C-alpha atoms as a PDB file:
ATOM      1  CA  UNK A   1     113.098  69.941 -90.534  1.00  0.00           C
ATOM      2  CA  UNK A   2     116.050  72.088 -89.635  1.00  0.00           C
ATOM      3  CA  UNK A   3     115.211  75.674 -88.761  1.00  0.00           C
ATOM      4  CA  UNK A   4     116.218  78.197 -91.403  1.00  0.00           C
ATOM      5  CA  UNK A   5     114.024  81.193 -90.702  1.00  0.00           C
ATOM      6  CA  UNK A   6     111.777  81.389 -87.674  1.00  0.00           C
ATOM      7  CA  UNK A   7     108.671  82.446 -89.567  1.00  0.00           C
ATOM      8  CA  UNK A   8     106.768  80.043 -91.751  1.00  0.00           C
ATOM      9  CA  UNK A   9     103.504  80.402 -93.679  1.00  0.00           C
ATOM     10  CA  UNK A  10     101.930  77.014 -94.343  1.00  0.00           C
ATOM     11  CA  UNK A  11      99.793  76.608 -97.428  1.00  0.00           C
ATOM     12  CA  UNK A  12      97.612  73.515 -97.291  1.00  0.00           C
ATOM     13  CA  UNK A  13      97.316  71.696-100.619  1.00  0.00           C
ATOM     14  CA  UNK A  14      94.918  69.019 -99.320  1.00  0.00           C
ATOM     15  CA  UNK A  15      93.273  67.796 -96.153  1.00  0.00           C
ATOM     16  CA  UNK A  16      91.075  69.471 -93.612  1.00  0.00           C
ATOM     17  CA  UNK A  17      92.767  72.882 -93.887  1.00  0.00           C
ATOM     18  CA  UNK A  18      92.495  73.011 -97.642  1.00  0.00           C
ATOM     19  CA  UNK A  19      93.211  76.453 -99.031  1.00  0.00           C
ATOM     20  CA  UNK A  20      94.270  77.943 -95.715  1.00  0.00           C
ATOM     21  CA  UNK A  21      97.461  79.867 -95.078  1.00  0.00           C
ATOM     22  CA  UNK A  22      98.674  80.312 -91.531  1.00  0.00           C
ATOM     23  CA  UNK A  23     101.881  81.449 -89.878  1.00  0.00           C
ATOM     24  CA  UNK A  24     103.169  79.242 -87.109  1.00  0.00           C
ATOM     25  CA  UNK A  25     106.629  80.302 -86.035  1.00  0.00           C
ATOM     26  CA  UNK A  26     106.542  78.616 -82.628  1.00  0.00           C
ATOM     27  CA  UNK A  27     107.453  75.142 -83.838  1.00  0.00           C
ATOM     28  CA  UNK A  28     103.986  73.872 -84.703  1.00  0.00           C
ATOM     29  CA  UNK A  29     101.835  73.444 -87.756  1.00  0.00           C
ATOM     30  CA  UNK A  30      98.075  73.230 -88.001  1.00  0.00           C
ATOM     31  CA  UNK A  31      96.651  70.526 -85.782  1.00  0.00           C
ATOM     32  CA  UNK A  32      99.545  70.750 -83.341  1.00  0.00           C
ATOM     33  CA  UNK A  33     101.887  68.655 -85.459  1.00  0.00           C
ATOM     34  CA  UNK A  34     105.454  69.341 -84.415  1.00  0.00           C
ATOM     35  CA  UNK A  35     107.924  70.236 -87.138  1.00  0.00           C
ATOM     36  CA  UNK A  36     111.018  71.050 -85.123  1.00  0.00           C
ATOM     37  CA  UNK A  37     111.569  74.724 -85.846  1.00  0.00           C
ATOM     38  CA  UNK A  38     113.591  76.596 -83.271  1.00  0.00           C
ATOM     39  CA  UNK A  39     112.293  79.589 -81.350  1.00  0.00           C
ATOM     40  CA  UNK A  40     112.899  82.840 -83.208  1.00  0.00           C
ATOM     41  CA  UNK A  41     115.115  85.654 -82.159  1.00  0.00           C
ATOM     42  CA  UNK A  42     113.697  89.155 -82.015  1.00  0.00           C
ATOM     43  CA  UNK A  43     114.243  91.469 -84.963  1.00  0.00           C
ATOM     44  CA  UNK A  44     115.201  88.670 -87.325  1.00  0.00           C
ATOM     45  CA  UNK A  45     115.022  90.713 -90.505  1.00  0.00           C
ATOM     46  CA  UNK A  46     116.645  93.867 -89.161  1.00  0.00           C
ATOM     47  CA  UNK A  47     113.777  95.810 -90.769  1.00  0.00           C
ATOM     48  CA  UNK A  48     110.825  94.818 -88.603  1.00  0.00           C
ATOM     49  CA  UNK A  49     110.272  93.376 -85.153  1.00  0.00           C
ATOM     50  CA  UNK A  50     108.749  89.907 -85.074  1.00  0.00           C
ATOM     51  CA  UNK A  51     107.245  88.067 -82.111  1.00  0.00           C
ATOM     52  CA  UNK A  52     107.487  84.299 -81.552  1.00  0.00           C
ATOM     53  CA  UNK A  53     104.188  83.621 -83.328  1.00  0.00           C
ATOM     54  CA  UNK A  54     103.601  86.640 -85.550  1.00  0.00           C
ATOM     55  CA  UNK A  55     105.153  88.361 -88.559  1.00  0.00           C
ATOM     56  CA  UNK A  56     105.639  92.102 -88.259  1.00  0.00           C
ATOM     57  CA  UNK A  57     104.519  94.011 -91.324  1.00  0.00           C
ATOM     58  CA  UNK A  58     103.619  97.656 -91.823  1.00  0.00           C
ATOM     59  CA  UNK A  59     104.071  98.377 -88.136  1.00  0.00           C
ATOM     60  CA  UNK A  60     101.709  95.624 -86.979  1.00  0.00           C
ATOM     61  CA  UNK A  61     102.065  91.985 -85.981  1.00  0.00           C
ATOM     62  CA  UNK A  62     100.215  89.601 -88.269  1.00  0.00           C
ATOM     63  CA  UNK A  63      98.912  86.077 -88.178  1.00  0.00           C
ATOM     64  CA  UNK A  64      98.657  85.469 -91.917  1.00  0.00           C
ATOM     65  CA  UNK A  65      95.363  83.778 -92.638  1.00  0.00           C
ATOM     66  CA  UNK A  66      94.225  83.697 -96.217  1.00  0.00           C
ATOM     67  CA  UNK A  67      93.421  81.900 -99.435  1.00  0.00           C
ATOM     68  CA  UNK A  68      94.694  81.139-102.888  1.00  0.00           C
ATOM     69  CA  UNK A  69      92.448  82.848-105.391  1.00  0.00           C
ATOM     70  CA  UNK A  70      92.123  80.882-108.639  1.00  0.00           C
ATOM     71  CA  UNK A  71      92.834  82.656-111.894  1.00  0.00           C
ATOM     72  CA  UNK A  72      89.907  83.705-114.038  1.00  0.00           C
ATOM     73  CA  UNK A  73      91.610  83.917-117.449  1.00  0.00           C
ATOM     74  CA  UNK A  74      94.843  82.005-116.768  1.00  0.00           C
ATOM     75  CA  UNK A  75      97.752  84.225-117.844  1.00  0.00           C
ATOM     76  CA  UNK A  76      95.373  86.918-119.033  1.00  0.00           C
ATOM     77  CA  UNK A  77      94.410  88.078-115.555  1.00  0.00           C
ATOM     78  CA  UNK A  78      97.247  90.591-115.301  1.00  0.00           C
ATOM     79  CA  UNK A  79      98.075  92.466-118.471  1.00  0.00           C
ATOM     80  CA  UNK A  80      95.379  90.825-120.551  1.00  0.00           C
ATOM     81  CA  UNK A  81      92.517  92.697-118.947  1.00  0.00           C
ATOM     82  CA  UNK A  82      91.179  89.704-117.029  1.00  0.00           C
ATOM     83  CA  UNK A  83      91.041  91.429-113.654  1.00  0.00           C
ATOM     84  CA  UNK A  84      89.413  94.497-115.133  1.00  0.00           C
ATOM     85  CA  UNK A  85      86.784  92.495-117.056  1.00  0.00           C
ATOM     86  CA  UNK A  86      85.958  90.317-114.061  1.00  0.00           C
ATOM     87  CA  UNK A  87      85.949  93.033-111.423  1.00  0.00           C
ATOM     88  CA  UNK A  88      82.459  92.211-110.120  1.00  0.00           C
ATOM     89  CA  UNK A  89      83.169  88.482-109.796  1.00  0.00           C
ATOM     90  CA  UNK A  90      86.446  89.165-108.001  1.00  0.00           C
ATOM     91  CA  UNK A  91      84.734  91.585-105.636  1.00  0.00           C
ATOM     92  CA  UNK A  92      82.151  88.939-104.785  1.00  0.00           C
ATOM     93  CA  UNK A  93      84.914  86.415-104.127  1.00  0.00           C
ATOM     94  CA  UNK A  94      86.734  88.828-101.874  1.00  0.00           C
ATOM     95  CA  UNK A  95      83.593  89.550 -99.896  1.00  0.00           C
ATOM     96  CA  UNK A  96      83.237  85.803 -99.326  1.00  0.00           C
ATOM     97  CA  UNK A  97      86.869  85.511 -98.269  1.00  0.00           C
ATOM     98  CA  UNK A  98      86.368  88.167 -95.620  1.00  0.00           C
ATOM     99  CA  UNK A  99      83.493  86.219 -94.082  1.00  0.00           C
ATOM    100  CA  UNK A 100      85.986  83.420 -93.330  1.00  0.00           C
ATOM    101  CA  UNK A 101      88.365  85.774 -91.555  1.00  0.00           C
ATOM    102  CA  UNK A 102      90.857  85.803 -94.413  1.00  0.00           C
ATOM    103  CA  UNK A 103      93.137  88.814 -94.659  1.00  0.00           C
ATOM    104  CA  UNK A 104      95.663  87.721 -97.313  1.00  0.00           C
ATOM    105  CA  UNK A 105      95.107  86.641-100.919  1.00  0.00           C
ATOM    106  CA  UNK A 106      97.751  84.730-102.858  1.00  0.00           C
ATOM    107  CA  UNK A 107      97.454  85.337-106.607  1.00  0.00           C
ATOM    108  CA  UNK A 108      99.654  84.213-109.513  1.00  0.00           C
ATOM    109  CA  UNK A 109     100.919  87.108-111.597  1.00  0.00           C
ATOM    110  CA  UNK A 110     103.065  85.944-114.565  1.00  0.00           C
ATOM    111  CA  UNK A 111     102.081  82.317-115.039  1.00  0.00           C
ATOM    112  CA  UNK A 112     101.996  80.539-118.375  1.00  0.00           C
ATOM    113  CA  UNK A 113     105.161  81.826-120.004  1.00  0.00           C
ATOM    114  CA  UNK A 114     105.338  85.315-118.485  1.00  0.00           C
ATOM    115  CA  UNK A 115     104.367  86.912-121.779  1.00  0.00           C
ATOM    116  CA  UNK A 116     104.087  90.275-120.011  1.00  0.00           C
ATOM    117  CA  UNK A 117     107.888  90.422-119.975  1.00  0.00           C
ATOM    118  CA  UNK A 118     109.073  91.704-123.361  1.00  0.00           C
ATOM    119  CA  UNK A 119     112.269  90.143-124.737  1.00  0.00           C
ATOM    120  CA  UNK A 120     114.674  90.485-127.617  1.00  0.00           C
ATOM    121  CA  UNK A 121     115.482  87.916-130.299  1.00  0.00           C
ATOM    122  CA  UNK A 122     117.820  86.057-127.933  1.00  0.00           C
ATOM    123  CA  UNK A 123     115.138  85.805-125.259  1.00  0.00           C
ATOM    124  CA  UNK A 124     116.758  88.383-122.973  1.00  0.00           C
ATOM    125  CA  UNK A 125     114.136  90.339-120.995  1.00  0.00           C
ATOM    126  CA  UNK A 126     114.011  93.978-122.095  1.00  0.00           C
ATOM    127  CA  UNK A 127     110.947  95.584-120.477  1.00  0.00           C
ATOM    128  CA  UNK A 128     107.612  94.947-118.836  1.00  0.00           C
ATOM    129  CA  UNK A 129     104.375  95.357-120.773  1.00  0.00           C
ATOM    130  CA  UNK A 130     102.705  98.357-119.091  1.00  0.00           C
ATOM    131  CA  UNK A 131      99.255  96.805-119.580  1.00  0.00           C
ATOM    132  CA  UNK A 132      99.962  94.731-116.495  1.00  0.00           C
ATOM    133  CA  UNK A 133      99.596  97.823-114.323  1.00  0.00           C
ATOM    134  CA  UNK A 134      95.976  98.393-115.298  1.00  0.00           C
ATOM    135  CA  UNK A 135      94.919  95.045-113.868  1.00  0.00           C
ATOM    136  CA  UNK A 136      97.114  95.301-110.787  1.00  0.00           C
ATOM    137  CA  UNK A 137      95.661  98.735-110.058  1.00  0.00           C
ATOM    138  CA  UNK A 138      92.124  97.315-110.207  1.00  0.00           C
ATOM    139  CA  UNK A 139      93.175  94.418-107.971  1.00  0.00           C
ATOM    140  CA  UNK A 140      94.556  96.881-105.439  1.00  0.00           C
ATOM    141  CA  UNK A 141      91.362  98.931-105.505  1.00  0.00           C
ATOM    142  CA  UNK A 142      89.436  95.760-104.697  1.00  0.00           C
ATOM    143  CA  UNK A 143      91.878  94.849-101.939  1.00  0.00           C
ATOM    144  CA  UNK A 144      91.362  98.233-100.323  1.00  0.00           C
ATOM    145  CA  UNK A 145      87.587  97.905-100.676  1.00  0.00           C
ATOM    146  CA  UNK A 146      87.582  94.547 -98.879  1.00  0.00           C
ATOM    147  CA  UNK A 147      90.533  95.200 -96.557  1.00  0.00           C
ATOM    148  CA  UNK A 148      92.711  92.443 -98.008  1.00  0.00           C
ATOM    149  CA  UNK A 149      96.456  92.147 -98.646  1.00  0.00           C
ATOM    150  CA  UNK A 150      98.317  90.354-101.425  1.00  0.00           C
ATOM    151  CA  UNK A 151     100.992  87.787-101.877  1.00  0.00           C
ATOM    152  CA  UNK A 152     101.748  88.121-105.594  1.00  0.00           C
ATOM    153  CA  UNK A 153     103.435  85.005-106.999  1.00  0.00           C
ATOM    154  CA  UNK A 154     105.668  85.982-109.893  1.00  0.00           C
ATOM    155  CA  UNK A 155     106.282  82.630-111.610  1.00  0.00           C
ATOM    156  CA  UNK A 156     104.198  79.452-111.569  1.00  0.00           C
ATOM    157  CA  UNK A 157     107.269  77.253-111.910  1.00  0.00           C
ATOM    158  CA  UNK A 158     110.581  76.699-113.707  1.00  0.00           C
ATOM    159  CA  UNK A 159     109.459  74.523-116.614  1.00  0.00           C
ATOM    160  CA  UNK A 160     109.547  75.762-120.197  1.00  0.00           C
ATOM    161  CA  UNK A 161     105.808  76.432-120.140  1.00  0.00           C
ATOM    162  CA  UNK A 162     106.312  78.693-117.110  1.00  0.00           C
ATOM    163  CA  UNK A 163     109.337  80.759-118.159  1.00  0.00           C
ATOM    164  CA  UNK A 164     111.638  80.764-121.215  1.00  0.00           C
ATOM    165  CA  UNK A 165     114.544  78.354-120.774  1.00  0.00           C
ATOM    166  CA  UNK A 166     117.175  81.056-121.339  1.00  0.00           C
ATOM    167  CA  UNK A 167     116.068  82.830-118.170  1.00  0.00           C
ATOM    168  CA  UNK A 168     117.300  79.779-116.294  1.00  0.00           C
ATOM    169  CA  UNK A 169     120.405  78.919-118.293  1.00  0.00           C
ATOM    170  CA  UNK A 170     121.811  82.341-119.158  1.00  0.00           C
ATOM    171  CA  UNK A 171     123.059  84.410-116.220  1.00  0.00           C
ATOM    172  CA  UNK A 172     122.845  87.616-118.250  1.00  0.00           C
ATOM    173  CA  UNK A 173     119.176  86.891-118.886  1.00  0.00           C
ATOM    174  CA  UNK A 174     118.632  86.162-115.187  1.00  0.00           C
ATOM    175  CA  UNK A 175     119.916  89.583-114.209  1.00  0.00           C
ATOM    176  CA  UNK A 176     117.993  91.237-117.033  1.00  0.00           C
ATOM    177  CA  UNK A 177     114.822  89.621-115.680  1.00  0.00           C
ATOM    178  CA  UNK A 178     115.444  91.032-112.208  1.00  0.00           C
ATOM    179  CA  UNK A 179     116.149  94.471-113.658  1.00  0.00           C
ATOM    180  CA  UNK A 180     113.009  94.420-115.814  1.00  0.00           C
ATOM    181  CA  UNK A 181     110.899  93.762-112.708  1.00  0.00           C
ATOM    182  CA  UNK A 182     112.328  96.781-110.881  1.00  0.00           C
ATOM    183  CA  UNK A 183     109.654  99.236-112.139  1.00  0.00           C
ATOM    184  CA  UNK A 184     106.938  96.820-110.988  1.00  0.00           C
ATOM    185  CA  UNK A 185     108.279  96.718-107.461  1.00  0.00           C
ATOM    186  CA  UNK A 186     108.937 100.457-107.406  1.00  0.00           C
ATOM    187  CA  UNK A 187     105.452 101.357-108.619  1.00  0.00           C
ATOM    188  CA  UNK A 188     103.804  99.702-105.616  1.00  0.00           C
ATOM    189  CA  UNK A 189     106.505 100.276-103.020  1.00  0.00           C
ATOM    190  CA  UNK A 190     104.257 102.471-100.857  1.00  0.00           C
ATOM    191  CA  UNK A 191     101.056 100.491-101.255  1.00  0.00           C
ATOM    192  CA  UNK A 192     100.687  98.367 -98.124  1.00  0.00           C
ATOM    193  CA  UNK A 193      98.238  96.034 -99.884  1.00  0.00           C
ATOM    194  CA  UNK A 194     101.234  94.489-101.671  1.00  0.00           C
ATOM    195  CA  UNK A 195     102.461  92.598 -98.647  1.00  0.00           C
ATOM    196  CA  UNK A 196     104.686  89.939-100.232  1.00  0.00           C
ATOM    197  CA  UNK A 197     106.418  89.235-103.528  1.00  0.00           C
ATOM    198  CA  UNK A 198     106.654  85.458-103.866  1.00  0.00           C
ATOM    199  CA  UNK A 199     109.347  84.555-106.388  1.00  0.00           C
ATOM    200  CA  UNK A 200     108.417  80.976-107.276  1.00  0.00           C
ATOM    201  CA  UNK A 201     105.585  78.513-106.947  1.00  0.00           C
ATOM    202  CA  UNK A 202     106.965  75.051-106.144  1.00  0.00           C
ATOM    203  CA  UNK A 203     110.108  75.160-108.303  1.00  0.00           C
ATOM    204  CA  UNK A 204     111.456  72.113-106.479  1.00  0.00           C
ATOM    205  CA  UNK A 205     109.193  69.766-108.416  1.00  0.00           C
ATOM    206  CA  UNK A 206     111.012  70.820-111.587  1.00  0.00           C
ATOM    207  CA  UNK A 207     114.604  70.611-110.353  1.00  0.00           C
ATOM    208  CA  UNK A 208     114.082  67.537-108.167  1.00  0.00           C
ATOM    209  CA  UNK A 209     112.743  65.708-111.220  1.00  0.00           C
ATOM    210  CA  UNK A 210     115.055  67.220-113.833  1.00  0.00           C
ATOM    211  CA  UNK A 211     112.176  68.733-115.788  1.00  0.00           C
ATOM    212  CA  UNK A 212     113.402  70.832-118.735  1.00  0.00           C
ATOM    213  CA  UNK A 213     116.907  70.858-117.244  1.00  0.00           C
ATOM    214  CA  UNK A 214     115.913  72.987-114.234  1.00  0.00           C
ATOM    215  CA  UNK A 215     118.390  73.064-111.345  1.00  0.00           C
ATOM    216  CA  UNK A 216     118.365  74.250-107.757  1.00  0.00           C
ATOM    217  CA  UNK A 217     121.233  76.621-108.521  1.00  0.00           C
ATOM    218  CA  UNK A 218     119.113  78.341-111.145  1.00  0.00           C
ATOM    219  CA  UNK A 219     116.116  78.685-108.830  1.00  0.00           C
ATOM    220  CA  UNK A 220     118.179  80.075-105.965  1.00  0.00           C
ATOM    221  CA  UNK A 221     120.222  82.440-108.125  1.00  0.00           C
ATOM    222  CA  UNK A 222     117.167  83.912-109.830  1.00  0.00           C
ATOM    223  CA  UNK A 223     115.440  84.345-106.473  1.00  0.00           C
ATOM    224  CA  UNK A 224     118.471  86.083-104.981  1.00  0.00           C
ATOM    225  CA  UNK A 225     118.756  88.461-107.938  1.00  0.00           C
ATOM    226  CA  UNK A 226     115.077  89.382-107.829  1.00  0.00           C
ATOM    227  CA  UNK A 227     115.047  89.803-104.051  1.00  0.00           C
ATOM    228  CA  UNK A 228     118.019  92.154-104.273  1.00  0.00           C
ATOM    229  CA  UNK A 229     115.919  94.341-106.563  1.00  0.00           C
ATOM    230  CA  UNK A 230     112.891  94.099-104.246  1.00  0.00           C
ATOM    231  CA  UNK A 231     115.006  95.231-101.300  1.00  0.00           C
ATOM    232  CA  UNK A 232     116.219  98.229-103.288  1.00  0.00           C
ATOM    233  CA  UNK A 233     112.961  99.244-104.939  1.00  0.00           C
ATOM    234  CA  UNK A 234     110.338  98.212-102.374  1.00  0.00           C
ATOM    235  CA  UNK A 235     112.010  97.820 -98.984  1.00  0.00           C
ATOM    236  CA  UNK A 236     108.684  97.742 -97.114  1.00  0.00           C
ATOM    237  CA  UNK A 237     107.504  94.590 -98.915  1.00  0.00           C
ATOM    238  CA  UNK A 238     108.300  91.064 -97.786  1.00  0.00           C
ATOM    239  CA  UNK A 239     109.604  88.175 -99.890  1.00  0.00           C
ATOM    240  CA  UNK A 240     109.021  84.443 -99.866  1.00  0.00           C
ATOM    241  CA  UNK A 241     109.008  81.310-102.039  1.00  0.00           C
ATOM    242  CA  UNK A 242     106.123  78.866-102.271  1.00  0.00           C
ATOM    243  CA  UNK A 243     108.161  75.776-101.454  1.00  0.00           C
ATOM    244  CA  UNK A 244     106.824  72.424-102.618  1.00  0.00           C
ATOM    245  CA  UNK A 245     107.145  70.712 -99.228  1.00  0.00           C
ATOM    246  CA  UNK A 246     108.416  71.330 -95.715  1.00  0.00           C
ATOM    247  CA  UNK A 247     111.497  69.320 -96.660  1.00  0.00           C
ATOM    248  CA  UNK A 248     112.310  71.891 -99.332  1.00  0.00           C
ATOM    249  CA  UNK A 249     113.080  74.562 -96.747  1.00  0.00           C
ATOM    250  CA  UNK A 250     116.714  73.459 -96.615  1.00  0.00           C
ATOM    251  CA  UNK A 251     117.109  74.397-100.284  1.00  0.00           C
ATOM    252  CA  UNK A 252     116.501  78.073 -99.463  1.00  0.00           C
ATOM    253  CA  UNK A 253     118.759  78.526 -96.451  1.00  0.00           C
ATOM    254  CA  UNK A 254     120.992  80.972 -98.386  1.00  0.00           C
ATOM    255  CA  UNK A 255     118.174  83.104 -99.782  1.00  0.00           C
ATOM    256  CA  UNK A 256     117.106  86.327 -98.049  1.00  0.00           C
ATOM    257  CA  UNK A 257     113.431  85.463 -97.572  1.00  0.00           C
ATOM    258  CA  UNK A 258     111.380  87.194 -94.903  1.00  0.00           C
ATOM    259  CA  UNK A 259     109.522  83.983 -94.206  1.00  0.00           C
ATOM    260  CA  UNK A 260     109.261  80.514 -95.672  1.00  0.00           C
ATOM    261  CA  UNK A 261     106.002  79.321 -97.228  1.00  0.00           C
ATOM    262  CA  UNK A 262     106.080  75.531 -97.641  1.00  0.00           C
ATOM    263  CA  UNK A 263     103.059  73.832 -99.146  1.00  0.00           C
ATOM    264  CA  UNK A 264     101.528  71.159 -96.995  1.00  0.00           C
ATOM    265  CA  UNK A 265     100.267  67.981 -98.682  1.00  0.00           C
ATOM    266  CA  UNK A 266      98.267  66.124 -96.032  1.00  0.00           C
ATOM    267  CA  UNK A 267      98.167  62.380 -96.832  1.00  0.00           C
END
């Protein structure tokens, strides 16, 4: 794999490291398997100083070790009261995560159609349902209680059951989506528990296979528009994409991610 950014967070989808997330920016993956990434240069983002094997965030160097947390009420977790209703269960999960040494939790935010984004009759995003903040606030209280940090994944994919098709096909709608998310990023800009905004979960599976007409151009353009807003509204937060495979890294070479996060399917 050709080097694009020197910092990579691997998410195992199967195999002996199932569920683990780890940053290896020195050219290796878990188990010592060589991937061919070049050695990083110092200060790669211009906003924080990295080391060869650590990501710098919030004034500290981090080895990101964490878990995916499964949803409790699918797309009702955030905005539908799911986090609030299941606070005790989530707290128990987080306590268990900490016993494994996990420090980062990856959690899907707007999966299943992103109903929390209000839209007009044409499908153009107009605002964000404020109910989402109640559940995020509870999630952040729990993160502070258990000393955990979040990667919030905005969209579960590019298919029509993940986001409305017009958000992909209409450039005006793409920009409106980025603008609608601005208050979300701004609200939590000074909360260090929101470590990373992850734009997509495995969008490559959709555009590689032509599902619902998804294209790489759409995925990249939407990511770039949203990241521009993140940089403006929450400059302390990092950005990434949950790439489907290591081979997908080349698709994101022109996107301003702080680190790549390819998903590792161990045969």
